[in-house]
Amino acid sequence: MAAPENDELPVDLKWLKRLVTGLTLTMIAGIAVIAALLIIRLSGPQSPSLPESITLPEGTTAQAFTATAEWYAVVTTDDRILIFRRDGSLRQEIALSP
């Protein structure tokens, strides 16, 4: 007498197959999200261009720099913030207290 054929997979193997399929779908979704975020981020507006050079007052040394579309600021080593317009003219000077 021949043994009946059992085409059904064992329960543990079915669980493993579902787990691998789920993890594969999760990885594909993650890669798609990362690609979409990169496309959105890289196609956005460009950051403001930096000035060719900055002329600081005599005896001043720059410590930090930040820029926006309308102005840029230089933090100096003598605890001042110098805010310049895009054309290079001094807009505002802020003295920092320790």
N, C-alpha and C. Protein backbone atom coordinates (compact mmCIF):
# COMPACT_ATOMS: atom_id res chain seq x y z
N MET A 1 0.82 -1.15 0.00
CA MET A 1 0.00 0.00 0.00
C MET A 1 0.89 1.24 0.00
N ALA A 2 0.61 2.20 -0.85
CA ALA A 2 1.42 3.40 -0.98
C ALA A 2 0.95 4.43 0.06
N ALA A 3 1.94 5.18 0.56
CA ALA A 3 1.62 6.23 1.55
C ALA A 3 0.94 7.39 0.84
N PRO A 4 -0.06 7.98 1.45
CA PRO A 4 -0.74 9.11 0.80
C PRO A 4 0.20 10.31 0.71
N GLU A 5 0.13 10.96 -0.42
CA GLU A 5 1.00 12.12 -0.61
C GLU A 5 0.42 13.31 0.14
N ASN A 6 1.32 14.02 0.79
CA ASN A 6 0.90 15.19 1.54
C ASN A 6 1.60 16.40 0.94
N ASP A 7 0.87 17.18 0.14
CA ASP A 7 1.45 18.34 -0.53
C ASP A 7 1.51 19.57 0.38
N GLU A 8 0.95 19.48 1.54
CA GLU A 8 0.90 20.62 2.44
C GLU A 8 2.23 20.76 3.19
N LEU A 9 2.65 22.03 3.34
CA LEU A 9 3.90 22.32 4.04
C LEU A 9 3.69 22.23 5.55
N PRO A 10 4.76 21.90 6.29
CA PRO A 10 4.64 21.88 7.75
C PRO A 10 4.32 23.29 8.28
N VAL A 11 3.72 23.33 9.45
CA VAL A 11 3.27 24.60 10.04
C VAL A 11 4.45 25.55 10.25
N ASP A 12 5.56 25.04 10.75
CA ASP A 12 6.74 25.89 10.98
C ASP A 12 7.26 26.49 9.68
N LEU A 13 7.24 25.71 8.62
CA LEU A 13 7.73 26.19 7.33
C LEU A 13 6.77 27.24 6.74
N LYS A 14 5.47 27.07 6.96
CA LYS A 14 4.50 28.08 6.51
C LYS A 14 4.75 29.40 7.24
N TRP A 15 4.98 29.31 8.54
CA TRP A 15 5.23 30.51 9.34
C TRP A 15 6.50 31.21 8.86
N LEU A 16 7.54 30.44 8.59
CA LEU A 16 8.80 31.01 8.11
C LEU A 16 8.61 31.66 6.74
N LYS A 17 7.83 31.04 5.88
CA LYS A 17 7.56 31.61 4.56
C LYS A 17 6.82 32.94 4.68
N ARG A 18 5.83 33.01 5.56
CA ARG A 18 5.11 34.27 5.77
C ARG A 18 6.03 35.34 6.36
N LEU A 19 6.88 34.94 7.28
CA LEU A 19 7.81 35.88 7.90
C LEU A 19 8.77 36.46 6.87
N VAL A 20 9.34 35.61 6.02
CA VAL A 20 10.26 36.09 4.99
C VAL A 20 9.54 36.99 4.00
N THR A 21 8.33 36.64 3.62
CA THR A 21 7.56 37.47 2.70
C THR A 21 7.25 38.83 3.32
N GLY A 22 6.85 38.83 4.58
CA GLY A 22 6.56 40.09 5.27
C GLY A 22 7.78 40.98 5.40
N LEU A 23 8.91 40.38 5.76
CA LEU A 23 10.14 41.16 5.88
C LEU A 23 10.60 41.70 4.53
N THR A 24 10.41 40.93 3.48
CA THR A 24 10.78 41.40 2.14
C THR A 24 9.91 42.59 1.73
N LEU A 25 8.62 42.50 1.98
CA LEU A 25 7.72 43.62 1.65
C LEU A 25 8.06 44.86 2.48
N THR A 26 8.41 44.66 3.75
CA THR A 26 8.80 45.79 4.60
C THR A 26 10.07 46.45 4.07
N MET A 27 11.03 45.65 3.65
CA MET A 27 12.28 46.20 3.12
C MET A 27 12.03 46.96 1.82
N ILE A 28 11.19 46.44 0.96
CA ILE A 28 10.88 47.12 -0.30
C ILE A 28 10.18 48.45 -0.01
N ALA A 29 9.25 48.45 0.94
CA ALA A 29 8.56 49.70 1.30
C ALA A 29 9.55 50.70 1.90
N GLY A 30 10.48 50.24 2.72
CA GLY A 30 11.48 51.13 3.31
C GLY A 30 12.37 51.76 2.27
N ILE A 31 12.80 50.98 1.30
CA ILE A 31 13.65 51.51 0.23
C ILE A 31 12.87 52.52 -0.60
N ALA A 32 11.59 52.25 -0.85
CA ALA A 32 10.76 53.20 -1.61
C ALA A 32 10.60 54.52 -0.84
N VAL A 33 10.42 54.44 0.47
CA VAL A 33 10.28 55.66 1.28
C VAL A 33 11.58 56.45 1.28
N ILE A 34 12.71 55.77 1.44
CA ILE A 34 14.01 56.46 1.42
C ILE A 34 14.24 57.13 0.07
N ALA A 35 13.92 56.43 -1.02
CA ALA A 35 14.09 57.02 -2.35
C ALA A 35 13.19 58.24 -2.52
N ALA A 36 11.95 58.15 -2.05
CA ALA A 36 11.03 59.29 -2.16
C ALA A 36 11.53 60.48 -1.34
N LEU A 37 12.02 60.22 -0.13
CA LEU A 37 12.54 61.31 0.70
C LEU A 37 13.77 61.96 0.07
N LEU A 38 14.64 61.17 -0.51
CA LEU A 38 15.81 61.74 -1.19
C LEU A 38 15.40 62.60 -2.37
N ILE A 39 14.44 62.13 -3.15
CA ILE A 39 13.98 62.90 -4.31
C ILE A 39 13.34 64.21 -3.85
N ILE A 40 12.51 64.15 -2.81
CA ILE A 40 11.86 65.36 -2.31
C ILE A 40 12.90 66.33 -1.75
N ARG A 41 13.84 65.81 -0.98
CA ARG A 41 14.84 66.68 -0.34
C ARG A 41 15.79 67.30 -1.35
N LEU A 42 16.25 66.53 -2.32
CA LEU A 42 17.24 67.04 -3.27
C LEU A 42 16.63 67.92 -4.35
N SER A 43 15.33 67.82 -4.57
CA SER A 43 14.72 68.66 -5.60
C SER A 43 14.14 69.95 -5.01
N GLY A 44 14.34 70.18 -3.72
CA GLY A 44 13.82 71.38 -3.06
C GLY A 44 14.63 72.61 -3.41
N PRO A 45 14.27 73.73 -2.82
CA PRO A 45 14.97 74.98 -3.11
C PRO A 45 16.43 74.91 -2.64
N GLN A 46 17.28 75.54 -3.40
CA GLN A 46 18.70 75.56 -3.07
C GLN A 46 18.95 76.54 -1.94
N SER A 47 19.99 76.28 -1.17
CA SER A 47 20.34 77.18 -0.08
C SER A 47 20.91 78.47 -0.66
N PRO A 48 20.84 79.55 0.10
CA PRO A 48 21.35 80.83 -0.42
C PRO A 48 22.85 80.74 -0.70
N SER A 49 23.26 81.45 -1.73
CA SER A 49 24.68 81.42 -2.09
C SER A 49 25.49 82.20 -1.07
N LEU A 50 26.71 81.77 -0.86
CA LEU A 50 27.60 82.44 0.08
C LEU A 50 28.30 83.60 -0.60
N PRO A 51 28.60 84.64 0.15
CA PRO A 51 29.32 85.77 -0.45
C PRO A 51 30.75 85.37 -0.79
N GLU A 52 31.31 86.02 -1.80
CA GLU A 52 32.70 85.74 -2.20
C GLU A 52 33.67 86.04 -1.07
N SER A 53 33.47 87.18 -0.42
CA SER A 53 34.32 87.55 0.72
C SER A 53 33.52 88.43 1.66
N ILE A 54 33.96 88.47 2.90
CA ILE A 54 33.30 89.29 3.91
C ILE A 54 34.35 90.24 4.49
N THR A 55 34.04 91.52 4.50
CA THR A 55 34.95 92.50 5.07
C THR A 55 34.49 92.81 6.49
N LEU A 56 35.30 92.40 7.45
CA LEU A 56 34.98 92.62 8.86
C LEU A 56 35.66 93.89 9.35
N PRO A 57 35.13 94.49 10.41
CA PRO A 57 35.78 95.67 10.98
C PRO A 57 37.21 95.34 11.43
N GLU A 58 38.04 96.36 11.50
CA GLU A 58 39.45 96.20 11.87
C GLU A 58 39.59 95.52 13.23
N GLY A 59 40.47 94.53 13.31
CA GLY A 59 40.75 93.83 14.56
C GLY A 59 39.72 92.78 14.94
N THR A 60 38.80 92.47 14.05
CA THR A 60 37.75 91.49 14.34
C THR A 60 38.10 90.16 13.70
N THR A 61 37.88 89.08 14.44
CA THR A 61 38.11 87.73 13.92
C THR A 61 36.79 86.96 13.98
N ALA A 62 36.45 86.30 12.89
CA ALA A 62 35.20 85.54 12.83
C ALA A 62 35.33 84.23 13.59
N GLN A 63 34.26 83.88 14.29
CA GLN A 63 34.21 82.62 15.02
C GLN A 63 33.14 81.70 14.43
N ALA A 64 32.04 82.27 13.95
CA ALA A 64 30.95 81.48 13.37
C ALA A 64 30.25 82.31 12.30
N PHE A 65 29.52 81.60 11.43
CA PHE A 65 28.86 82.24 10.30
C PHE A 65 27.53 81.56 10.07
N THR A 66 26.50 82.34 9.75
CA THR A 66 25.22 81.79 9.34
C THR A 66 24.61 82.72 8.28
N ALA A 67 23.76 82.16 7.44
CA ALA A 67 23.22 82.96 6.33
C ALA A 67 21.75 82.64 6.10
N THR A 68 21.02 83.65 5.63
CA THR A 68 19.65 83.47 5.16
C THR A 68 19.58 84.02 3.74
N ALA A 69 18.39 84.07 3.19
CA ALA A 69 18.24 84.59 1.84
C ALA A 69 18.46 86.10 1.78
N GLU A 70 18.25 86.81 2.90
CA GLU A 70 18.32 88.27 2.91
C GLU A 70 19.55 88.82 3.61
N TRP A 71 20.16 88.09 4.54
CA TRP A 71 21.30 88.60 5.29
C TRP A 71 22.20 87.46 5.71
N TYR A 72 23.36 87.79 6.20
CA TYR A 72 24.23 86.81 6.83
C TYR A 72 24.82 87.40 8.09
N ALA A 73 25.15 86.54 9.04
CA ALA A 73 25.64 86.99 10.34
C ALA A 73 26.98 86.34 10.64
N VAL A 74 27.84 87.12 11.29
CA VAL A 74 29.15 86.64 11.71
C VAL A 74 29.26 86.84 13.21
N VAL A 75 29.57 85.76 13.92
CA VAL A 75 29.84 85.86 15.35
C VAL A 75 31.34 86.04 15.49
N THR A 76 31.75 87.05 16.23
CA THR A 76 33.17 87.36 16.36
C THR A 76 33.72 86.84 17.68
N THR A 77 35.05 86.79 17.77
CA THR A 77 35.69 86.30 18.99
C THR A 77 35.58 87.28 20.15
N ASP A 78 35.24 88.53 19.87
CA ASP A 78 35.05 89.50 20.96
C ASP A 78 33.57 89.63 21.35
N ASP A 79 32.82 88.55 21.17
CA ASP A 79 31.42 88.42 21.61
C ASP A 79 30.49 89.47 21.01
N ARG A 80 30.52 89.58 19.70
CA ARG A 80 29.60 90.44 18.96
C ARG A 80 29.01 89.63 17.81
N ILE A 81 27.81 89.99 17.43
CA ILE A 81 27.19 89.42 16.24
C ILE A 81 27.05 90.56 15.23
N LEU A 82 27.66 90.38 14.08
CA LEU A 82 27.58 91.39 13.02
C LEU A 82 26.65 90.85 11.94
N ILE A 83 25.59 91.58 11.66
CA ILE A 83 24.62 91.17 10.65
C ILE A 83 24.80 92.06 9.43
N PHE A 84 25.05 91.43 8.28
CA PHE A 84 25.30 92.14 7.03
C PHE A 84 24.17 91.90 6.05
N ARG A 85 23.88 92.90 5.23
CA ARG A 85 22.96 92.71 4.11
C ARG A 85 23.68 91.91 3.03
N ARG A 86 22.94 91.46 2.05
CA ARG A 86 23.53 90.68 0.96
C ARG A 86 24.53 91.50 0.15
N ASP A 87 24.39 92.82 0.14
CA ASP A 87 25.34 93.65 -0.61
C ASP A 87 26.63 93.91 0.17
N GLY A 88 26.73 93.42 1.40
CA GLY A 88 27.95 93.55 2.19
C GLY A 88 27.93 94.68 3.19
N SER A 89 26.88 95.49 3.20
CA SER A 89 26.83 96.60 4.16
C SER A 89 26.35 96.10 5.52
N LEU A 90 26.89 96.69 6.57
CA LEU A 90 26.54 96.30 7.93
C LEU A 90 25.12 96.74 8.25
N ARG A 91 24.29 95.81 8.65
CA ARG A 91 22.88 96.09 8.95
C ARG A 91 22.67 96.30 10.45
N GLN A 92 23.32 95.47 11.26
CA GLN A 92 23.11 95.55 12.70
C GLN A 92 24.31 94.94 13.41
N GLU A 93 24.60 95.47 14.59
CA GLU A 93 25.67 94.92 15.43
C GLU A 93 25.07 94.66 16.81
N ILE A 94 25.26 93.44 17.30
CA ILE A 94 24.70 93.05 18.59
C ILE A 94 25.85 92.66 19.51
N ALA A 95 25.96 93.33 20.65
CA ALA A 95 26.98 92.99 21.64
C ALA A 95 26.42 91.95 22.60
N LEU A 96 27.15 90.87 22.78
CA LEU A 96 26.72 89.81 23.68
C LEU A 96 27.35 90.01 25.05
N SER A 97 26.56 89.81 26.08
CA SER A 97 27.12 89.92 27.43
C SER A 97 27.42 88.51 27.95
N PRO A 98 28.53 88.35 28.64
CA PRO A 98 28.91 87.00 29.12
C PRO A 98 28.01 86.46 30.20
